[in-house]
Amino acid sequence: MEDQVPLDKLAKVYRKIRDRISKLTQEYETEVETLKEQQQEIANAMKDILVSTGQKSANTAEGTIILGQKTRYFTNDWDSFKKFVLDHEVLDLFEKRISQGNMKQFLEENPGVVPPGLNSDSELTVTVRKPSK
């Protein structure tokens, strides 16, 4: 019983800190998003000027503005893409990371079967939920 009172107080303070962190994070993210939108508007204006004047770069007193091209690759048909990768033996087209949820499920469904080179790191965590009313 003696542990219950300190745990109640700790849980209350923990939740207050978590709520404050959440509020500060939301305020931060809102301001950063606003600044990123403003920055993108300026970048678009500079891009339009460079394109309309046929320049690939421009030197200014405040810095060099360079027009570049960024390409992203993606697929809307994962089954076909995976087949292509396997058919052409180009596994390096995938990023080198393990799907955490899928690996957990695989290990649960296949006890004793562990892929070579697999490492894991587990730690005890504490979760505090609001009390039920």
C-alpha atoms as a PDB file:
ATOM      1  CA  MET A   1       0.000   0.000   0.000  1.00  0.00           C
ATOM      2  CA  GLU A   2       2.842   2.399   0.753  1.00  0.00           C
ATOM      3  CA  ASP A   3       4.009   2.196  -2.872  1.00  0.00           C
ATOM      4  CA  GLN A   4       0.587   3.226  -4.222  1.00  0.00           C
ATOM      5  CA  VAL A   5       0.738   6.852  -3.062  1.00  0.00           C
ATOM      6  CA  PRO A   6       4.178   7.625  -4.544  1.00  0.00           C
ATOM      7  CA  LEU A   7       3.205   5.847  -7.763  1.00  0.00           C
ATOM      8  CA  ASP A   8       0.035   7.957  -7.985  1.00  0.00           C
ATOM      9  CA  LYS A   9       2.065  11.126  -7.598  1.00  0.00           C
ATOM     10  CA  LEU A  10       4.695   9.954 -10.069  1.00  0.00           C
ATOM     11  CA  ALA A  11       2.030   9.027 -12.611  1.00  0.00           C
ATOM     12  CA  LYS A  12       0.356  12.432 -12.216  1.00  0.00           C
ATOM     13  CA  VAL A  13       3.612  14.339 -12.712  1.00  0.00           C
ATOM     14  CA  TYR A  14       4.594  12.043 -15.593  1.00  0.00           C
ATOM     15  CA  ARG A  15       1.298  12.769 -17.366  1.00  0.00           C
ATOM     16  CA  LYS A  16       1.659  16.531 -16.802  1.00  0.00           C
ATOM     17  CA  ILE A  17       5.154  16.471 -18.311  1.00  0.00           C
ATOM     18  CA  ARG A  18       3.954  14.357 -21.236  1.00  0.00           C
ATOM     19  CA  ASP A  19       1.062  16.770 -21.873  1.00  0.00           C
ATOM     20  CA  ARG A  20       3.422  19.777 -21.745  1.00  0.00           C
ATOM     21  CA  ILE A  21       5.837  18.098 -24.137  1.00  0.00           C
ATOM     22  CA  SER A  22       2.928  17.367 -26.474  1.00  0.00           C
ATOM     23  CA  LYS A  23       1.754  20.994 -26.367  1.00  0.00           C
ATOM     24  CA  LEU A  24       5.254  22.367 -26.959  1.00  0.00           C
ATOM     25  CA  THR A  25       5.829  19.897 -29.776  1.00  0.00           C
ATOM     26  CA  GLN A  26       2.570  20.932 -31.470  1.00  0.00           C
ATOM     27  CA  GLU A  27       3.470  24.627 -31.182  1.00  0.00           C
ATOM     28  CA  TYR A  28       6.943  23.930 -32.565  1.00  0.00           C
ATOM     29  CA  GLU A  29       5.644  21.822 -35.445  1.00  0.00           C
ATOM     30  CA  THR A  30       3.046  24.464 -36.347  1.00  0.00           C
ATOM     31  CA  GLU A  31       5.666  27.226 -36.473  1.00  0.00           C
ATOM     32  CA  VAL A  32       8.148  25.080 -38.393  1.00  0.00           C
ATOM     33  CA  GLU A  33       5.446  24.163 -40.915  1.00  0.00           C
ATOM     34  CA  THR A  34       4.602  27.842 -41.421  1.00  0.00           C
ATOM     35  CA  LEU A  35       8.279  28.694 -41.947  1.00  0.00           C
ATOM     36  CA  LYS A  36       8.730  25.790 -44.382  1.00  0.00           C
ATOM     37  CA  GLU A  37       5.738  26.984 -46.414  1.00  0.00           C
ATOM     38  CA  GLN A  38       7.191  30.503 -46.573  1.00  0.00           C
ATOM     39  CA  GLN A  39      10.602  29.108 -47.510  1.00  0.00           C
ATOM     40  CA  GLN A  40       9.031  27.003 -50.280  1.00  0.00           C
ATOM     41  CA  GLU A  41       7.235  30.049 -51.700  1.00  0.00           C
ATOM     42  CA  ILE A  42      10.566  31.884 -51.885  1.00  0.00           C
ATOM     43  CA  ALA A  43      12.284  28.836 -53.425  1.00  0.00           C
ATOM     44  CA  ASN A  44       9.520  28.652 -56.052  1.00  0.00           C
ATOM     45  CA  ALA A  45       9.969  32.332 -56.867  1.00  0.00           C
ATOM     46  CA  MET A  46      13.736  31.881 -57.293  1.00  0.00           C
ATOM     47  CA  LYS A  47      13.169  28.768 -59.415  1.00  0.00           C
ATOM     48  CA  ASP A  48      10.714  30.653 -61.643  1.00  0.00           C
ATOM     49  CA  ILE A  49      13.222  33.475 -62.147  1.00  0.00           C
ATOM     50  CA  LEU A  50      16.068  31.092 -63.024  1.00  0.00           C
ATOM     51  CA  VAL A  51      13.893  29.075 -65.418  1.00  0.00           C
ATOM     52  CA  SER A  52      12.439  32.161 -67.129  1.00  0.00           C
ATOM     53  CA  THR A  53      15.910  33.667 -67.610  1.00  0.00           C
ATOM     54  CA  GLY A  54      17.476  30.367 -68.718  1.00  0.00           C
ATOM     55  CA  GLN A  55      19.981  30.320 -65.859  1.00  0.00           C
ATOM     56  CA  LYS A  56      21.184  27.233 -64.010  1.00  0.00           C
ATOM     57  CA  SER A  57      22.614  29.334 -61.195  1.00  0.00           C
ATOM     58  CA  ALA A  58      22.868  32.929 -60.058  1.00  0.00           C
ATOM     59  CA  ASN A  59      25.455  34.590 -57.845  1.00  0.00           C
ATOM     60  CA  THR A  60      24.070  37.153 -55.427  1.00  0.00           C
ATOM     61  CA  ALA A  61      25.526  39.121 -52.530  1.00  0.00           C
ATOM     62  CA  GLU A  62      23.540  36.804 -50.220  1.00  0.00           C
ATOM     63  CA  GLY A  63      24.645  33.526 -51.788  1.00  0.00           C
ATOM     64  CA  THR A  64      24.611  31.423 -54.916  1.00  0.00           C
ATOM     65  CA  ILE A  65      21.234  30.134 -56.070  1.00  0.00           C
ATOM     66  CA  ILE A  66      21.487  26.841 -57.946  1.00  0.00           C
ATOM     67  CA  LEU A  67      18.760  25.177 -59.990  1.00  0.00           C
ATOM     68  CA  GLY A  68      18.878  21.421 -59.537  1.00  0.00           C
ATOM     69  CA  GLN A  69      16.717  18.439 -60.278  1.00  0.00           C
ATOM     70  CA  LYS A  70      15.587  15.911 -57.707  1.00  0.00           C
ATOM     71  CA  THR A  71      14.077  12.601 -58.773  1.00  0.00           C
ATOM     72  CA  ARG A  72      12.125  10.282 -56.484  1.00  0.00           C
ATOM     73  CA  TYR A  73      11.283   6.716 -57.371  1.00  0.00           C
ATOM     74  CA  PHE A  74       8.233   4.846 -56.107  1.00  0.00           C
ATOM     75  CA  THR A  75       5.820   2.118 -57.118  1.00  0.00           C
ATOM     76  CA  ASN A  76       2.081   1.651 -56.990  1.00  0.00           C
ATOM     77  CA  ASP A  77       2.386  -2.072 -57.719  1.00  0.00           C
ATOM     78  CA  TRP A  78       4.511  -3.679 -55.002  1.00  0.00           C
ATOM     79  CA  ASP A  79       3.826  -7.247 -56.135  1.00  0.00           C
ATOM     80  CA  SER A  80       5.139  -6.589 -59.637  1.00  0.00           C
ATOM     81  CA  PHE A  81       8.055  -4.555 -58.310  1.00  0.00           C
ATOM     82  CA  LYS A  82       9.101  -7.298 -55.862  1.00  0.00           C
ATOM     83  CA  LYS A  83       8.900  -9.862 -58.694  1.00  0.00           C
ATOM     84  CA  PHE A  84      11.074  -7.630 -60.885  1.00  0.00           C
ATOM     85  CA  VAL A  85      13.651  -7.249 -58.109  1.00  0.00           C
ATOM     86  CA  LEU A  86      13.795 -11.003 -57.551  1.00  0.00           C
ATOM     87  CA  ASP A  87      13.832 -11.830 -61.297  1.00  0.00           C
ATOM     88  CA  HIS A  88      16.743  -9.442 -61.879  1.00  0.00           C
ATOM     89  CA  GLU A  89      18.481 -10.243 -58.583  1.00  0.00           C
ATOM     90  CA  VAL A  90      18.740  -6.562 -57.650  1.00  0.00           C
ATOM     91  CA  LEU A  91      17.862  -6.661 -53.951  1.00  0.00           C
ATOM     92  CA  ASP A  92      19.882  -3.458 -53.486  1.00  0.00           C
ATOM     93  CA  LEU A  93      16.931  -1.566 -54.969  1.00  0.00           C
ATOM     94  CA  PHE A  94      15.355  -1.951 -51.543  1.00  0.00           C
ATOM     95  CA  GLU A  95      16.463   0.115 -48.573  1.00  0.00           C
ATOM     96  CA  LYS A  96      18.405  -1.746 -45.928  1.00  0.00           C
ATOM     97  CA  ARG A  97      16.040  -1.792 -43.004  1.00  0.00           C
ATOM     98  CA  ILE A  98      13.826  -4.418 -41.452  1.00  0.00           C
ATOM     99  CA  SER A  99      10.077  -3.979 -41.163  1.00  0.00           C
ATOM    100  CA  GLN A 100       9.708  -4.126 -37.384  1.00  0.00           C
ATOM    101  CA  GLY A 101       6.088  -5.304 -37.337  1.00  0.00           C
ATOM    102  CA  ASN A 102       6.580  -7.919 -40.046  1.00  0.00           C
ATOM    103  CA  MET A 103       9.727  -9.290 -38.381  1.00  0.00           C
ATOM    104  CA  LYS A 104       7.958  -9.538 -35.016  1.00  0.00           C
ATOM    105  CA  GLN A 105       5.069 -11.393 -36.639  1.00  0.00           C
ATOM    106  CA  PHE A 106       7.432 -13.727 -38.541  1.00  0.00           C
ATOM    107  CA  LEU A 107       9.339 -14.634 -35.377  1.00  0.00           C
ATOM    108  CA  GLU A 108       6.091 -15.239 -33.473  1.00  0.00           C
ATOM    109  CA  GLU A 109       4.743 -17.469 -36.246  1.00  0.00           C
ATOM    110  CA  ASN A 110       8.068 -19.297 -36.713  1.00  0.00           C
ATOM    111  CA  PRO A 111       9.529 -19.978 -33.278  1.00  0.00           C
ATOM    112  CA  GLY A 112      13.130 -21.124 -33.477  1.00  0.00           C
ATOM    113  CA  VAL A 113      13.637 -19.757 -37.008  1.00  0.00           C
ATOM    114  CA  VAL A 114      15.944 -16.737 -36.883  1.00  0.00           C
ATOM    115  CA  PRO A 115      17.391 -15.113 -40.016  1.00  0.00           C
ATOM    116  CA  PRO A 116      21.208 -15.066 -40.059  1.00  0.00           C
ATOM    117  CA  GLY A 117      22.685 -11.755 -38.945  1.00  0.00           C
ATOM    118  CA  LEU A 118      19.503 -10.645 -37.166  1.00  0.00           C
ATOM    119  CA  ASN A 119      20.100  -8.578 -34.059  1.00  0.00           C
ATOM    120  CA  SER A 120      17.532  -7.298 -31.628  1.00  0.00           C
ATOM    121  CA  ASP A 121      17.440  -4.871 -28.757  1.00  0.00           C
ATOM    122  CA  SER A 122      14.721  -4.994 -26.110  1.00  0.00           C
ATOM    123  CA  GLU A 123      14.153  -2.769 -23.142  1.00  0.00           C
ATOM    124  CA  LEU A 124      11.540  -2.472 -20.433  1.00  0.00           C
ATOM    125  CA  THR A 125       9.349   0.576 -20.880  1.00  0.00           C
ATOM    126  CA  VAL A 126       6.785   2.375 -18.748  1.00  0.00           C
ATOM    127  CA  THR A 127       3.472   3.612 -20.100  1.00  0.00           C
ATOM    128  CA  VAL A 128       1.137   5.870 -18.130  1.00  0.00           C
ATOM    129  CA  ARG A 129      -2.490   6.079 -19.169  1.00  0.00           C
ATOM    130  CA  LYS A 130      -5.119   8.515 -17.977  1.00  0.00           C
ATOM    131  CA  PRO A 131      -7.345   7.034 -15.289  1.00  0.00           C
ATOM    132  CA  SER A 132     -10.766   5.727 -16.332  1.00  0.00           C
ATOM    133  CA  LYS A 133     -13.645   7.875 -15.195  1.00  0.00           C
END
